C-alpha atoms as a PDB file:
ATOM      1  CA  MET A   1    -114.199-101.695  23.506  1.00  0.00           C
ATOM      2  CA  ALA A   2    -111.590-101.607  21.200  1.00  0.00           C
ATOM      3  CA  ALA A   3    -107.860-101.039  22.758  1.00  0.00           C
ATOM      4  CA  MET A   4    -105.445 -97.733  22.533  1.00  0.00           C
ATOM      5  CA  HIS A   5    -102.363 -98.060  22.212  1.00  0.00           C
ATOM      6  CA  MET A   6    -100.080 -95.519  24.152  1.00  0.00           C
ATOM      7  CA  ASN A   7     -97.510 -95.029  21.367  1.00  0.00           C
ATOM      8  CA  ASP A   8    -100.537 -93.626  18.554  1.00  0.00           C
ATOM      9  CA  PRO A   9     -98.851 -91.064  16.581  1.00  0.00           C
ATOM     10  CA  GLY A  10    -101.058 -88.029  17.432  1.00  0.00           C
ATOM     11  CA  PRO A  11    -103.834 -86.169  19.570  1.00  0.00           C
ATOM     12  CA  MET A  12    -105.619 -86.253  16.260  1.00  0.00           C
ATOM     13  CA  VAL A  13    -105.261 -90.153  15.415  1.00  0.00           C
ATOM     14  CA  TRP A  14    -105.710 -90.707  19.173  1.00  0.00           C
ATOM     15  CA  MET A  15    -108.995 -88.956  19.217  1.00  0.00           C
ATOM     16  CA  SER A  16    -110.641 -90.658  15.886  1.00  0.00           C
ATOM     17  CA  THR A  17    -109.400 -93.780  17.436  1.00  0.00           C
ATOM     18  CA  TRP A  18    -111.065 -93.771  20.853  1.00  0.00           C
ATOM     19  CA  THR A  19    -113.868 -91.644  19.204  1.00  0.00           C
ATOM     20  CA  LEU A  20    -115.091 -94.526  16.757  1.00  0.00           C
ATOM     21  CA  ALA A  21    -114.252 -97.126  20.006  1.00  0.00           C
ATOM     22  CA  VAL A  22    -116.537 -95.119  22.495  1.00  0.00           C
ATOM     23  CA  LEU A  23    -119.207 -94.041  20.235  1.00  0.00           C
ATOM     24  CA  ALA A  24    -119.696 -97.715  19.553  1.00  0.00           C
ATOM     25  CA  LEU A  25    -120.839 -98.407  23.292  1.00  0.00           C
ATOM     26  CA  LEU A  26    -122.654 -95.418  23.704  1.00  0.00           C
ATOM     27  CA  LEU A  27    -124.757 -96.377  20.347  1.00  0.00           C
ATOM     28  CA  ALA A  28    -124.475-100.255  21.961  1.00  0.00           C
ATOM     29  CA  CYS A  29    -126.646 -98.576  25.176  1.00  0.00           C
ATOM     30  CA  ASN A  30    -129.297 -97.070  23.228  1.00  0.00           C
ATOM     31  CA  ARG A  31    -131.872 -99.083  24.025  1.00  0.00           C
ATOM     32  CA  PRO A  32    -135.550 -98.766  25.049  1.00  0.00           C
ATOM     33  CA  ASN A  33    -136.242 -97.763  28.584  1.00  0.00           C
ATOM     34  CA  GLN A  34    -136.924-100.627  30.425  1.00  0.00           C
ATOM     35  CA  HIS A  35    -138.427 -99.119  33.563  1.00  0.00           C
ATOM     36  CA  GLY A  36    -141.261 -97.434  31.699  1.00  0.00           C
ATOM     37  CA  ASP A  37    -140.419 -94.103  32.804  1.00  0.00           C
ATOM     38  CA  SER A  38    -142.248 -90.782  31.373  1.00  0.00           C
ATOM     39  CA  ASP A  39    -140.455 -86.966  31.426  1.00  0.00           C
ATOM     40  CA  ASP A  40    -143.656 -86.502  34.119  1.00  0.00           C
ATOM     41  CA  ALA A  41    -141.971 -88.424  36.648  1.00  0.00           C
ATOM     42  CA  LEU A  42    -138.700 -86.406  35.826  1.00  0.00           C
ATOM     43  CA  PRO A  43    -137.458 -83.651  38.440  1.00  0.00           C
ATOM     44  CA  GLN A  44    -136.873 -80.472  36.700  1.00  0.00           C
ATOM     45  CA  PRO A  45    -133.228 -80.896  36.716  1.00  0.00           C
ATOM     46  CA  VAL A  46    -132.809 -83.862  34.345  1.00  0.00           C
ATOM     47  CA  ARG A  47    -136.235 -83.476  32.397  1.00  0.00           C
ATOM     48  CA  ALA A  48    -135.149 -84.293  29.188  1.00  0.00           C
ATOM     49  CA  GLN A  49    -136.704 -82.138  26.333  1.00  0.00           C
ATOM     50  CA  ALA A  50    -134.665 -82.187  23.190  1.00  0.00           C
ATOM     51  CA  THR A  51    -136.001 -82.683  19.606  1.00  0.00           C
ATOM     52  CA  SER A  52    -134.140 -84.310  16.703  1.00  0.00           C
ATOM     53  CA  SER A  53    -134.096 -80.787  14.894  1.00  0.00           C
ATOM     54  CA  THR A  54    -132.746 -79.309  18.192  1.00  0.00           C
ATOM     55  CA  THR A  55    -129.613 -81.722  18.203  1.00  0.00           C
ATOM     56  CA  GLU A  56    -128.698 -81.559  14.816  1.00  0.00           C
ATOM     57  CA  LYS A  57    -129.256 -77.788  14.891  1.00  0.00           C
ATOM     58  CA  LEU A  58    -126.786 -77.321  17.834  1.00  0.00           C
ATOM     59  CA  LEU A  59    -124.387 -79.725  16.604  1.00  0.00           C
ATOM     60  CA  ARG A  60    -124.324 -78.268  12.828  1.00  0.00           C
ATOM     61  CA  TRP A  61    -121.752 -76.057  14.606  1.00  0.00           C
ATOM     62  CA  LEU A  62    -119.538 -78.298  16.145  1.00  0.00           C
ATOM     63  CA  ASP A  63    -116.264 -77.463  15.124  1.00  0.00           C
ATOM     64  CA  PRO A  64    -114.053 -80.437  13.445  1.00  0.00           C
ATOM     65  CA  ASP A  65    -111.189 -79.981  14.815  1.00  0.00           C
ATOM     66  CA  ALA A  66    -112.453 -79.659  18.449  1.00  0.00           C
ATOM     67  CA  SER A  67    -110.217 -80.991  21.480  1.00  0.00           C
ATOM     68  CA  ALA A  68    -113.302 -81.066  23.903  1.00  0.00           C
ATOM     69  CA  MET A  69    -116.860 -80.991  23.521  1.00  0.00           C
ATOM     70  CA  CYS A  70    -119.809 -81.606  25.813  1.00  0.00           C
ATOM     71  CA  TYR A  71    -123.687 -81.591  24.853  1.00  0.00           C
ATOM     72  CA  MET A  72    -126.304 -81.045  27.994  1.00  0.00           C
ATOM     73  CA  ARG A  73    -130.176 -81.670  28.232  1.00  0.00           C
ATOM     74  CA  ARG A  74    -131.796 -79.806  30.769  1.00  0.00           C
ATOM     75  CA  LEU A  75    -129.261 -80.468  34.041  1.00  0.00           C
ATOM     76  CA  GLU A  76    -129.225 -76.440  34.746  1.00  0.00           C
ATOM     77  CA  SER A  77    -130.355 -77.120  38.262  1.00  0.00           C
ATOM     78  CA  LEU A  78    -127.574 -79.908  38.910  1.00  0.00           C
ATOM     79  CA  ASP A  79    -124.389 -78.570  41.262  1.00  0.00           C
ATOM     80  CA  LEU A  80    -121.876 -79.893  38.231  1.00  0.00           C
ATOM     81  CA  ASP A  81    -118.920 -79.195  40.360  1.00  0.00           C
ATOM     82  CA  THR A  82    -120.070 -81.828  42.805  1.00  0.00           C
ATOM     83  CA  LEU A  83    -120.895 -84.100  40.057  1.00  0.00           C
ATOM     84  CA  ALA A  84    -117.365 -83.692  38.715  1.00  0.00           C
ATOM     85  CA  VAL A  85    -115.852 -84.507  41.589  1.00  0.00           C
ATOM     86  CA  VAL A  86    -118.014 -87.487  42.526  1.00  0.00           C
ATOM     87  CA  PHE A  87    -116.923 -89.086  38.870  1.00  0.00           C
ATOM     88  CA  ALA A  88    -113.345 -87.867  38.994  1.00  0.00           C
ATOM     89  CA  VAL A  89    -113.691 -85.769  36.066  1.00  0.00           C
ATOM     90  CA  PRO A  90    -110.525 -83.431  35.852  1.00  0.00           C
ATOM     91  CA  PRO A  91    -110.435 -80.113  36.257  1.00  0.00           C
ATOM     92  CA  ARG A  92    -110.520 -78.700  32.935  1.00  0.00           C
ATOM     93  CA  PRO A  93    -113.022 -80.931  31.074  1.00  0.00           C
ATOM     94  CA  ALA A  94    -115.494 -80.264  34.068  1.00  0.00           C
ATOM     95  CA  LYS A  95    -114.811 -76.702  33.352  1.00  0.00           C
ATOM     96  CA  LEU A  96    -116.757 -77.128  30.019  1.00  0.00           C
ATOM     97  CA  MET A  97    -120.055 -78.304  31.989  1.00  0.00           C
ATOM     98  CA  ARG A  98    -119.975 -74.989  34.018  1.00  0.00           C
ATOM     99  CA  ASP A  99    -119.320 -73.290  31.237  1.00  0.00           C
ATOM    100  CA  ALA A 100    -123.080 -74.646  30.023  1.00  0.00           C
ATOM    101  CA  PHE A 101    -124.364 -73.177  32.905  1.00  0.00           C
ATOM    102  CA  ASP A 102    -122.661 -69.969  32.618  1.00  0.00           C
ATOM    103  CA  THR A 103    -124.032 -68.984  29.095  1.00  0.00           C
ATOM    104  CA  TRP A 104    -127.551 -68.409  31.361  1.00  0.00           C
ATOM    105  CA  ASP A 105    -126.439 -66.928  34.621  1.00  0.00           C
ATOM    106  CA  ASP A 106    -123.802 -64.540  32.882  1.00  0.00           C
ATOM    107  CA  LEU A 107    -127.087 -63.414  30.525  1.00  0.00           C
ATOM    108  CA  ARG A 108    -129.282 -63.143  33.802  1.00  0.00           C
ATOM    109  CA  ALA A 109    -126.857 -60.642  35.285  1.00  0.00           C
ATOM    110  CA  THR A 110    -126.135 -59.090  31.830  1.00  0.00           C
ATOM    111  CA  LEU A 111    -129.699 -58.705  30.893  1.00  0.00           C
ATOM    112  CA  GLY A 112    -131.013 -57.410  34.194  1.00  0.00           C
ATOM    113  CA  PRO A 113    -134.386 -58.349  36.152  1.00  0.00           C
ATOM    114  CA  GLY A 114    -136.621 -56.949  34.116  1.00  0.00           C
ATOM    115  CA  ALA A 115    -135.823 -59.263  31.385  1.00  0.00           C
ATOM    116  CA  PRO A 116    -137.456 -62.236  30.506  1.00  0.00           C
ATOM    117  CA  ASP A 117    -135.411 -65.095  31.900  1.00  0.00           C
ATOM    118  CA  PRO A 118    -132.885 -66.680  29.908  1.00  0.00           C
ATOM    119  CA  SER A 119    -134.530 -69.999  30.605  1.00  0.00           C
ATOM    120  CA  THR A 120    -137.572 -69.053  28.804  1.00  0.00           C
ATOM    121  CA  TRP A 121    -136.031 -68.199  25.657  1.00  0.00           C
ATOM    122  CA  LEU A 122    -133.092 -70.534  24.967  1.00  0.00           C
ATOM    123  CA  SER A 123    -133.152 -74.254  24.255  1.00  0.00           C
ATOM    124  CA  ALA A 124    -132.572 -76.555  27.514  1.00  0.00           C
ATOM    125  CA  ASP A 125    -130.167 -78.065  25.158  1.00  0.00           C
ATOM    126  CA  VAL A 126    -126.419 -76.527  25.020  1.00  0.00           C
ATOM    127  CA  LEU A 127    -123.321 -77.524  23.064  1.00  0.00           C
ATOM    128  CA  VAL A 128    -120.469 -76.711  24.673  1.00  0.00           C
ATOM    129  CA  MET A 129    -116.849 -76.839  22.762  1.00  0.00           C
ATOM    130  CA  GLN A 130    -113.148 -76.346  23.479  1.00  0.00           C
ATOM    131  CA  PRO A 131    -111.465 -75.203  19.768  1.00  0.00           C
ATOM    132  CA  ARG A 132    -107.491 -76.049  19.455  1.00  0.00           C
ATOM    133  CA  THR A 133    -107.077 -72.370  18.797  1.00  0.00           C
ATOM    134  CA  SER A 134    -108.361 -71.232  22.303  1.00  0.00           C
ATOM    135  CA  LEU A 135    -108.794 -71.851  25.486  1.00  0.00           C
ATOM    136  CA  ALA A 136    -112.118 -70.592  26.318  1.00  0.00           C
ATOM    137  CA  SER A 137    -114.991 -72.103  25.441  1.00  0.00           C
ATOM    138  CA  TYR A 138    -117.579 -71.779  22.691  1.00  0.00           C
ATOM    139  CA  ALA A 139    -121.355 -72.240  23.255  1.00  0.00           C
ATOM    140  CA  VAL A 140    -124.246 -72.691  20.790  1.00  0.00           C
ATOM    141  CA  ARG A 141    -128.017 -72.441  22.094  1.00  0.00           C
ATOM    142  CA  ALA A 142    -131.471 -72.739  20.092  1.00  0.00           C
ATOM    143  CA  LEU A 143    -133.615 -69.666  20.464  1.00  0.00           C
ATOM    144  CA  ALA A 144    -137.228 -70.864  21.906  1.00  0.00           C
ATOM    145  CA  VAL A 145    -138.867 -67.201  20.952  1.00  0.00           C
ATOM    146  CA  PRO A 146    -138.074 -64.810  17.078  1.00  0.00           C
ATOM    147  CA  ARG A 147    -135.108 -63.788  16.490  1.00  0.00           C
ATOM    148  CA  SER A 148    -136.358 -59.911  17.078  1.00  0.00           C
ATOM    149  CA  GLU A 149    -137.437 -60.260  20.681  1.00  0.00           C
ATOM    150  CA  VAL A 150    -133.620 -61.387  21.282  1.00  0.00           C
ATOM    151  CA  GLU A 151    -132.028 -58.842  19.349  1.00  0.00           C
ATOM    152  CA  ARG A 152    -134.110 -55.827  21.462  1.00  0.00           C
ATOM    153  CA  MET A 153    -133.311 -57.416  24.369  1.00  0.00           C
ATOM    154  CA  LEU A 154    -129.634 -57.536  23.641  1.00  0.00           C
ATOM    155  CA  GLY A 155    -129.775 -53.970  22.739  1.00  0.00           C
ATOM    156  CA  GLU A 156    -131.807 -52.876  25.671  1.00  0.00           C
ATOM    157  CA  ALA A 157    -128.673 -54.226  27.461  1.00  0.00           C
ATOM    158  CA  GLY A 158    -126.602 -51.940  25.965  1.00  0.00           C
ATOM    159  CA  MET A 159    -124.972 -54.469  23.243  1.00  0.00           C
ATOM    160  CA  THR A 160    -123.797 -52.973  19.743  1.00  0.00           C
ATOM    161  CA  SER A 161    -124.588 -55.090  16.745  1.00  0.00           C
ATOM    162  CA  THR A 162    -121.281 -55.413  13.907  1.00  0.00           C
ATOM    163  CA  VAL A 163    -121.068 -57.875  11.350  1.00  0.00           C
ATOM    164  CA  MET A 164    -118.424 -60.432  10.511  1.00  0.00           C
ATOM    165  CA  GLU A 165    -118.382 -62.934   8.313  1.00  0.00           C
ATOM    166  CA  GLY A 166    -121.899 -62.571   7.237  1.00  0.00           C
ATOM    167  CA  LEU A 167    -122.848 -63.235  10.429  1.00  0.00           C
ATOM    168  CA  THR A 168    -124.503 -60.465  13.076  1.00  0.00           C
ATOM    169  CA  MET A 169    -122.521 -60.048  16.234  1.00  0.00           C
ATOM    170  CA  TYR A 170    -123.463 -58.049  19.524  1.00  0.00           C
ATOM    171  CA  VAL A 171    -120.920 -57.290  21.322  1.00  0.00           C
ATOM    172  CA  PRO A 172    -121.360 -56.138  25.220  1.00  0.00           C
ATOM    173  CA  ARG A 173    -120.275 -53.687  27.534  1.00  0.00           C
ATOM    174  CA  GLY A 174    -119.175 -54.255  30.818  1.00  0.00           C
ATOM    175  CA  ALA A 175    -118.066 -57.376  32.665  1.00  0.00           C
ATOM    176  CA  PHE A 176    -120.072 -59.638  30.685  1.00  0.00           C
ATOM    177  CA  PRO A 177    -117.736 -62.728  28.969  1.00  0.00           C
ATOM    178  CA  TRP A 178    -119.186 -63.560  25.817  1.00  0.00           C
ATOM    179  CA  LYS A 179    -120.245 -61.917  22.580  1.00  0.00           C
ATOM    180  CA  LEU A 180    -123.320 -63.018  21.175  1.00  0.00           C
ATOM    181  CA  VAL A 181    -123.803 -64.298  17.335  1.00  0.00           C
ATOM    182  CA  PHE A 182    -126.814 -65.062  15.193  1.00  0.00           C
ATOM    183  CA  LEU A 183    -125.710 -68.482  13.692  1.00  0.00           C
ATOM    184  CA  ASP A 184    -129.137 -68.798  11.946  1.00  0.00           C
ATOM    185  CA  ASP A 185    -132.351 -67.101  12.945  1.00  0.00           C
ATOM    186  CA  ASP A 186    -133.067 -69.563  15.842  1.00  0.00           C
ATOM    187  CA  VAL A 187    -129.396 -70.453  17.101  1.00  0.00           C
ATOM    188  CA  LEU A 188    -127.126 -68.061  18.864  1.00  0.00           C
ATOM    189  CA  GLY A 189    -123.572 -69.053  19.702  1.00  0.00           C
ATOM    190  CA  PHE A 190    -121.631 -67.870  22.360  1.00  0.00           C
ATOM    191  CA  VAL A 191    -118.129 -66.544  21.423  1.00  0.00           C
ATOM    192  CA  PRO A 192    -115.609 -65.888  24.392  1.00  0.00           C
ATOM    193  CA  ILE A 193    -114.814 -62.020  24.449  1.00  0.00           C
ATOM    194  CA  LYS A 194    -111.407 -62.551  24.956  1.00  0.00           C
ATOM    195  CA  ALA A 195    -111.227 -64.354  21.323  1.00  0.00           C
ATOM    196  CA  VAL A 196    -110.042 -61.376  19.208  1.00  0.00           C
ATOM    197  CA  ALA A 197    -108.130 -63.003  15.962  1.00  0.00           C
ATOM    198  CA  ALA A 198    -110.756 -64.636  13.995  1.00  0.00           C
ATOM    199  CA  PRO A 199    -113.381 -65.400  16.734  1.00  0.00           C
ATOM    200  CA  LEU A 200    -115.677 -67.017  14.396  1.00  0.00           C
ATOM    201  CA  ASN A 201    -113.435 -69.608  12.757  1.00  0.00           C
ATOM    202  CA  PRO A 202    -114.393 -72.460  15.135  1.00  0.00           C
ATOM    203  CA  PHE A 203    -118.187 -71.991  14.072  1.00  0.00           C
ATOM    204  CA  THR A 204    -117.884 -71.466  10.714  1.00  0.00           C
ATOM    205  CA  ALA A 205    -115.414 -74.439  10.385  1.00  0.00           C
ATOM    206  CA  GLY A 206    -118.415 -76.257  11.830  1.00  0.00           C
ATOM    207  CA  ARG A 207    -120.761 -75.168   9.413  1.00  0.00           C
ATOM    208  CA  ASP A 208    -118.326 -75.385   6.311  1.00  0.00           C
ATOM    209  CA  LEU A 209    -116.657 -78.518   6.863  1.00  0.00           C
ATOM    210  CA  PRO A 210    -117.548 -82.004   6.769  1.00  0.00           C
ATOM    211  CA  PRO A 211    -119.233 -83.558  10.015  1.00  0.00           C
ATOM    212  CA  SER A 212    -116.325 -85.349  11.764  1.00  0.00           C
ATOM    213  CA  GLN A 213    -117.459 -88.767  12.828  1.00  0.00           C
ATOM    214  CA  LEU A 214    -118.075 -87.360  16.227  1.00  0.00           C
ATOM    215  CA  GLU A 215    -120.885 -85.189  15.127  1.00  0.00           C
ATOM    216  CA  THR A 216    -122.513 -87.766  12.972  1.00  0.00           C
ATOM    217  CA  GLU A 217    -122.580 -90.671  15.861  1.00  0.00           C
ATOM    218  CA  LEU A 218    -124.057 -87.974  18.466  1.00  0.00           C
ATOM    219  CA  VAL A 219    -126.552 -86.889  16.371  1.00  0.00           C
ATOM    220  CA  LYS A 220    -127.761 -90.580  15.581  1.00  0.00           C
ATOM    221  CA  ALA A 221    -127.466 -91.439  19.499  1.00  0.00           C
ATOM    222  CA  LEU A 222    -128.881 -88.548  21.083  1.00  0.00           C
ATOM    223  CA  GLU A 223    -132.121 -88.507  18.580  1.00  0.00           C
ATOM    224  CA  SER A 224    -132.271 -91.949  19.306  1.00  0.00           C
ATOM    225  CA  ASP A 225    -132.186 -91.912  23.205  1.00  0.00           C
ATOM    226  CA  PRO A 226    -134.065 -88.954  25.327  1.00  0.00           C
ATOM    227  CA  ASP A 227    -132.462 -90.398  28.256  1.00  0.00           C
ATOM    228  CA  ASP A 228    -129.096 -89.536  27.388  1.00  0.00           C
ATOM    229  CA  VAL A 229    -128.809 -86.273  29.118  1.00  0.00           C
ATOM    230  CA  LEU A 230    -125.050 -84.995  28.778  1.00  0.00           C
ATOM    231  CA  GLU A 231    -122.115 -86.743  26.557  1.00  0.00           C
ATOM    232  CA  LEU A 232    -118.700 -84.999  27.172  1.00  0.00           C
ATOM    233  CA  TYR A 233    -115.691 -86.145  25.095  1.00  0.00           C
ATOM    234  CA  ALA A 234    -112.394 -84.578  25.525  1.00  0.00           C
ATOM    235  CA  GLU A 235    -108.501 -84.925  24.620  1.00  0.00           C
ATOM    236  CA  GLY A 236    -105.641 -84.484  26.785  1.00  0.00           C
ATOM    237  CA  PRO A 237    -103.228 -84.448  28.646  1.00  0.00           C
ATOM    238  CA  PHE A 238    -105.050 -83.476  31.762  1.00  0.00           C
ATOM    239  CA  LEU A 239    -103.748 -83.222  35.738  1.00  0.00           C
ATOM    240  CA  HIS A 240    -105.972 -85.069  37.894  1.00  0.00           C
ATOM    241  CA  MET A 241    -106.003 -84.068  41.470  1.00  0.00           C
ATOM    242  CA  ASP A 242    -106.314 -87.721  42.759  1.00  0.00           C
ATOM    243  CA  LEU A 243    -103.743 -89.530  40.522  1.00  0.00           C
ATOM    244  CA  ASP A 244    -100.108 -88.884  40.308  1.00  0.00           C
ATOM    245  CA  GLN A 245    -100.383 -89.548  36.381  1.00  0.00           C
ATOM    246  CA  ASP A 246    -101.713 -87.484  33.972  1.00  0.00           C
ATOM    247  CA  VAL A 247    -105.150 -88.652  31.746  1.00  0.00           C
ATOM    248  CA  GLU A 248    -104.815 -88.495  28.138  1.00  0.00           C
ATOM    249  CA  GLY A 249    -108.833 -89.106  27.440  1.00  0.00           C
ATOM    250  CA  VAL A 250    -112.120 -88.568  29.089  1.00  0.00           C
ATOM    251  CA  ARG A 251    -115.596 -89.567  27.879  1.00  0.00           C
ATOM    252  CA  PHE A 252    -118.229 -88.711  30.685  1.00  0.00           C
ATOM    253  CA  SER A 253    -122.079 -90.080  30.253  1.00  0.00           C
ATOM    254  CA  LEU A 254    -125.013 -89.604  31.984  1.00  0.00           C
ATOM    255  CA  ARG A 255    -128.157 -90.957  31.207  1.00  0.00           C
ATOM    256  CA  ARG A 256    -131.808 -90.932  32.818  1.00  0.00           C
ATOM    257  CA  TRP A 257    -132.427 -94.240  34.934  1.00  0.00           C
ATOM    258  CA  GLN A 258    -135.504 -95.135  37.178  1.00  0.00           C
ATOM    259  CA  GLY A 259    -137.150 -92.196  36.269  1.00  0.00           C
ATOM    260  CA  ALA A 260    -135.510 -88.879  38.427  1.00  0.00           C
ATOM    261  CA  GLY A 261    -132.300 -91.125  38.911  1.00  0.00           C
ATOM    262  CA  LEU A 262    -129.113 -90.800  37.107  1.00  0.00           C
ATOM    263  CA  ASP A 263    -126.883 -93.559  35.616  1.00  0.00           C
ATOM    264  CA  GLY A 264    -123.493 -92.231  35.164  1.00  0.00           C
ATOM    265  CA  VAL A 265    -120.079 -93.708  33.368  1.00  0.00           C
ATOM    266  CA  VAL A 266    -116.889 -92.261  33.182  1.00  0.00           C
ATOM    267  CA  LYS A 267    -114.117 -93.246  31.500  1.00  0.00           C
ATOM    268  CA  LEU A 268    -110.491 -92.135  31.879  1.00  0.00           C
ATOM    269  CA  GLN A 269    -107.338 -93.231  29.303  1.00  0.00           C
ATOM    270  CA  ILE A 270    -104.468 -93.272  31.684  1.00  0.00           C
ATOM    271  CA  ALA A 271    -101.270 -92.275  30.652  1.00  0.00           C
ATOM    272  CA  GLU A 272     -98.791 -94.761  32.518  1.00  0.00           C
ATOM    273  CA  SER A 273    -100.962 -97.335  35.053  1.00  0.00           C
ATOM    274  CA  PRO A 274    -104.330 -97.762  34.943  1.00  0.00           C
ATOM    275  CA  ASP A 275    -104.396-100.524  37.739  1.00  0.00           C
ATOM    276  CA  GLY A 276    -102.735 -98.002  40.068  1.00  0.00           C
ATOM    277  CA  ALA A 277    -104.791 -95.500  39.100  1.00  0.00           C
ATOM    278  CA  VAL A 278    -108.031 -97.763  40.001  1.00  0.00           C
ATOM    279  CA  THR A 279    -106.401 -97.838  43.741  1.00  0.00           C
ATOM    280  CA  GLN A 280    -105.784 -94.464  43.722  1.00  0.00           C
ATOM    281  CA  LEU A 281    -109.861 -93.583  42.377  1.00  0.00           C
ATOM    282  CA  ALA A 282    -110.939 -96.006  45.059  1.00  0.00           C
ATOM    283  CA  ALA A 283    -109.061 -94.314  47.595  1.00  0.00           C
ATOM    284  CA  ARG A 284    -109.971 -90.510  47.069  1.00  0.00           C
ATOM    285  CA  LYS A 285    -110.998 -87.903  50.152  1.00  0.00           C
ATOM    286  CA  ALA A 286    -112.306 -84.890  49.046  1.00  0.00           C
ATOM    287  CA  GLY A 287    -111.834 -82.603  52.532  1.00  0.00           C
ATOM    288  CA  LEU A 288    -114.185 -79.971  51.960  1.00  0.00           C
ATOM    289  CA  GLU A 289    -116.945 -82.108  50.568  1.00  0.00           C
ATOM    290  CA  THR A 290    -119.948 -83.422  53.089  1.00  0.00           C
ATOM    291  CA  ASP A 291    -120.280 -86.658  54.073  1.00  0.00           C
ATOM    292  CA  VAL A 292    -123.100 -87.357  51.588  1.00  0.00           C
ATOM    293  CA  VAL A 293    -120.429 -86.113  48.472  1.00  0.00           C
ATOM    294  CA  GLN A 294    -117.784 -88.499  50.179  1.00  0.00           C
ATOM    295  CA  ASP A 295    -120.118 -91.725  50.340  1.00  0.00           C
ATOM    296  CA  LEU A 296    -120.813 -90.857  46.395  1.00  0.00           C
ATOM    297  CA  MET A 297    -117.356 -90.928  45.433  1.00  0.00           C
ATOM    298  CA  HIS A 298    -116.862 -94.190  47.331  1.00  0.00           C
ATOM    299  CA  ARG A 299    -119.393 -95.643  45.840  1.00  0.00           C
ATOM    300  CA  VAL A 300    -118.171 -95.194  41.945  1.00  0.00           C
ATOM    301  CA  ALA A 301    -117.389 -98.536  40.836  1.00  0.00           C
ATOM    302  CA  PHE A 302    -113.673 -98.430  38.921  1.00  0.00           C
ATOM    303  CA  VAL A 303    -112.069-101.196  36.885  1.00  0.00           C
ATOM    304  CA  VAL A 304    -109.148-101.240  34.239  1.00  0.00           C
ATOM    305  CA  GLU A 305    -110.536-101.753  31.020  1.00  0.00           C
ATOM    306  CA  GLY A 306    -107.314-102.159  28.826  1.00  0.00           C
ATOM    307  CA  PRO A 307    -105.245 -98.531  29.284  1.00  0.00           C
ATOM    308  CA  MET A 308    -108.292 -97.092  30.611  1.00  0.00           C
ATOM    309  CA  VAL A 309    -110.216 -96.841  33.980  1.00  0.00           C
ATOM    310  CA  GLN A 310    -114.017 -96.872  33.930  1.00  0.00           C
ATOM    311  CA  GLY A 311    -115.819 -95.542  36.369  1.00  0.00           C
ATOM    312  CA  ARG A 312    -119.732 -96.194  36.985  1.00  0.00           C
ATOM    313  CA  LEU A 313    -122.177 -94.899  39.604  1.00  0.00           C
ATOM    314  CA  GLN A 314    -126.575 -95.270  39.616  1.00  0.00           C
ATOM    315  CA  LEU A 315    -127.600 -92.521  41.291  1.00  0.00           C
ATOM    316  CA  THR A 316    -130.839 -92.856  42.956  1.00  0.00           C
ATOM    317  CA  PRO A 317    -133.617 -90.247  43.270  1.00  0.00           C
ATOM    318  CA  GLN A 318    -132.594 -89.105  46.673  1.00  0.00           C
ATOM    319  CA  ASP A 319    -128.781 -89.078  45.540  1.00  0.00           C
ATOM    320  CA  VAL A 320    -129.852 -86.875  42.744  1.00  0.00           C
ATOM    321  CA  HIS A 321    -131.667 -84.185  44.943  1.00  0.00           C
ATOM    322  CA  ALA A 322    -129.001 -84.402  47.707  1.00  0.00           C
ATOM    323  CA  ILE A 323    -126.886 -83.008  44.212  1.00  0.00           C
ATOM    324  CA  VAL A 324    -129.216 -80.553  43.669  1.00  0.00           C
ATOM    325  CA  GLU A 325    -129.824 -79.232  46.727  1.00  0.00           C
ATOM    326  CA  ARG A 326    -125.906 -77.733  46.775  1.00  0.00           C
ATOM    327  CA  ARG A 327    -126.633 -75.619  43.961  1.00  0.00           C
END
């Protein structure tokens, strides 16, 4: 991996340099499955269900200037908080993964028990992003049923429609934290309710501006590797509960491994001392976690790679099921 310099002139330049480096590694890992695994061998939480059209359809709306993004494929049964603890993902980037779940969970509560479950009409693939202009996350999912059916459900749930920038948006009543916008007839966007000024700008930027290098390379990587089930990128600085120094950037990825297992790699750009960070990460403790989770934490192998710290752990099917059971 190309080295990153701590005196980079600014976050945009740093993100561009780091993105190119980590994406080169990501593409290098796109190799044929060596174990002859099939989707039928996978438990529901990690079964890949993406197509090229879905990947492109969602990533088309990625804001080129987003400071963080997460693309996930069918991980809805995993306890992502536990996953983040195991792999030492800082709290703020880890929230992107939780927000992906919330797009389904919040809809279930809002539409009520009489409506079809969102998992039956929204794609398992989800894109979540953090614009620079917002502290809240935006999300995108594809539709698996005609738009008219979804609009009927939203209307029956008491949502009212309005047109903004040529796009139809449904505004909720009550505690639902999202506005829903039809970005295309088969793509639904989740806009945080607290986004008041120019709420659609992150989506229209993704649509109207040239694709970022990150978007281009992610489309290639995800299309060529159905075993790639999670990609998370985030610019810092971030507070890390296990470190006495900031984390300047994060990349976290998960791939299917040996059928029902997962191979996870986390990369942390460290502000001051990567060696000190490795020592502290190796000594992590989580007093509120179970012995099983603590064991998984200690099994993550952290090493220094220039100004970065890399941690890797291959989760067996039994390890994965332990995380599933927690959720």
